[in-house]
Amino acid sequence: MKYIFAFIIASIVFSSCVEPINKSFTKLPPGIWRGVLVIDDKPVIQKQGEEFVEKTDFSGELPFGFEVTYTSEEEFYVELLNGDERIKVTDIVYGRDKATAKDTVEIHFKDFDTYLSAIYEDDIMEGYWHVNYKEGYTIPFKGYFGKLHRFTTLKKEPTADLSGRWEVKFEAGTEDEYPAIGDFVQTGNHITGTFMTETGDYRYLEGTVQANKFSLSTFDAAHAFLFAGKILDNDNVIGSFKSGTHYTSTWEGKRNPDAKIGNAFDMTTSQIGDEKFDFTFNDLDGNSVSLSDKEFENKIKLVKITGTWCPNCKDESKFLKEYLVNNPSDDIEVIEVAFERYKEESKAVEVLKRYKKKLDLPFTMLYGGYADKSITSEMFPQISKVISYPTLIFVDKNNKIKKVHTGFAGPATADYAKFKKDFDEIIKEMRS
């Protein structure tokens, strides 16, 4: 009897406390995944005097999080996870490779013309990240289901709290040196934040601090950024920066709550004084469009030099769209002139049409040409120089340039709120 009684009790406990495993999915397991781009396994080296010194430990793995969510037994979407940012992706192809008899998946990031392709087996994905507009540019990719950590599961006590504002120099001491601001929030071993430069920010970064070392990364389908650093003392750090497999840099930072970089409204200036600003480009249907066209008469024109491959440009487009929705008016026109990574006009226009539709942009979209700053500068001789995508030109109702804003400090930065305030004040001034 006691065995029967034990069996009954066990049955009751099992049925009341243990939920059945969800088998409703038919493709990738739903939930959190740990993604990794394998970009390098070499340390960054710097010269100090006559000696070459390894400045920081440098991991070749660029980690990021993503989540698989099902909307039905057959349909699912993926969200990339970086700090507070979630990027939803629905353009997914799932199938079976006849040659290997293994499941395959392609996750297409059509906004940026890139995609992940992988073979899936036993809760692991293995494949590549492909950048379509760079010939032969692929980075090995792996995905692990149910792994919650980003860099490590270790919990070494940090030697400093990196929270706050940092005065940063990239490529310090070289002719390529440029300033930035590091802005971070650290809670225990976890750290988030970004770097703001004079031409834009380095997106939503997330990572870990372990003893006197720290690492930060982001993958947003357009950029793959990996930062590694070493804490020298409470107020000084050094580090390395890698963008994909094509660019490596070093940087150093000093804690400074008053750190500043150049004013984005002063970096690019008008070269035509009180003369009227004008240009002519084709729209996405091949029609010639000029700023002096009748449809733009008596309107404030926000002329944005942009590119679909640029996340900061995308952030600014979202801001402009949101502004027009929240401040409906007939006297403002946004005109985006896009410079693309394809040299073939037909391919570039195809990407632009897809981008405009995907983001539902209510703007005039024009094709400018190939994305090269020197070429773009030649297209816009009325301003001093195009040094960043995006560049936003404020043009009044008389077609005169009032302001030029270089770069874009987006929602990942602490300066985003200030930009919105400045933008609103400029529009009010142009209407007065």
Foldseek 3Di string as FASTA:
>chain_A
DVVVVVVVVVVVCCVPPPDDDDPLADFADFFKKKKWWQQDQDADWDDDVNDIDRAFHDHRIQIWMKGWDAPGNYAIWMWTDFPPDTDIFRPKDWDADPVVRFIKMKTAPLLQQKIWIFTDDDQKTWGWIGRVLDPPDITTMMMGPPDDATPDPDQAFAQEFPAAKKWKWKQPPDPPIFTWIWHWGDDRFKIWAWIAGLFEIPPTWIWTGHHQKIKIWDDPSLWTKIKIWGHPHHFKIKIKIDIGNPDIIIMIIGHDNPHDYDAQFPPKFFPPPFDFDKAWFAFLVRDIDMCPDPQLAQAKEKEKEAESSDVLLVLVLVVVQVVCVVPPDSRYAYEYEYAYSDQDPVVRSVSVVVNCVVVVRPHGYGYDGHPDQVSVCVRRVRMDGQPYHIKIFTAANRRGTDTIGHHGYGPSHPCNVVVVVVVVVVVVVSVD
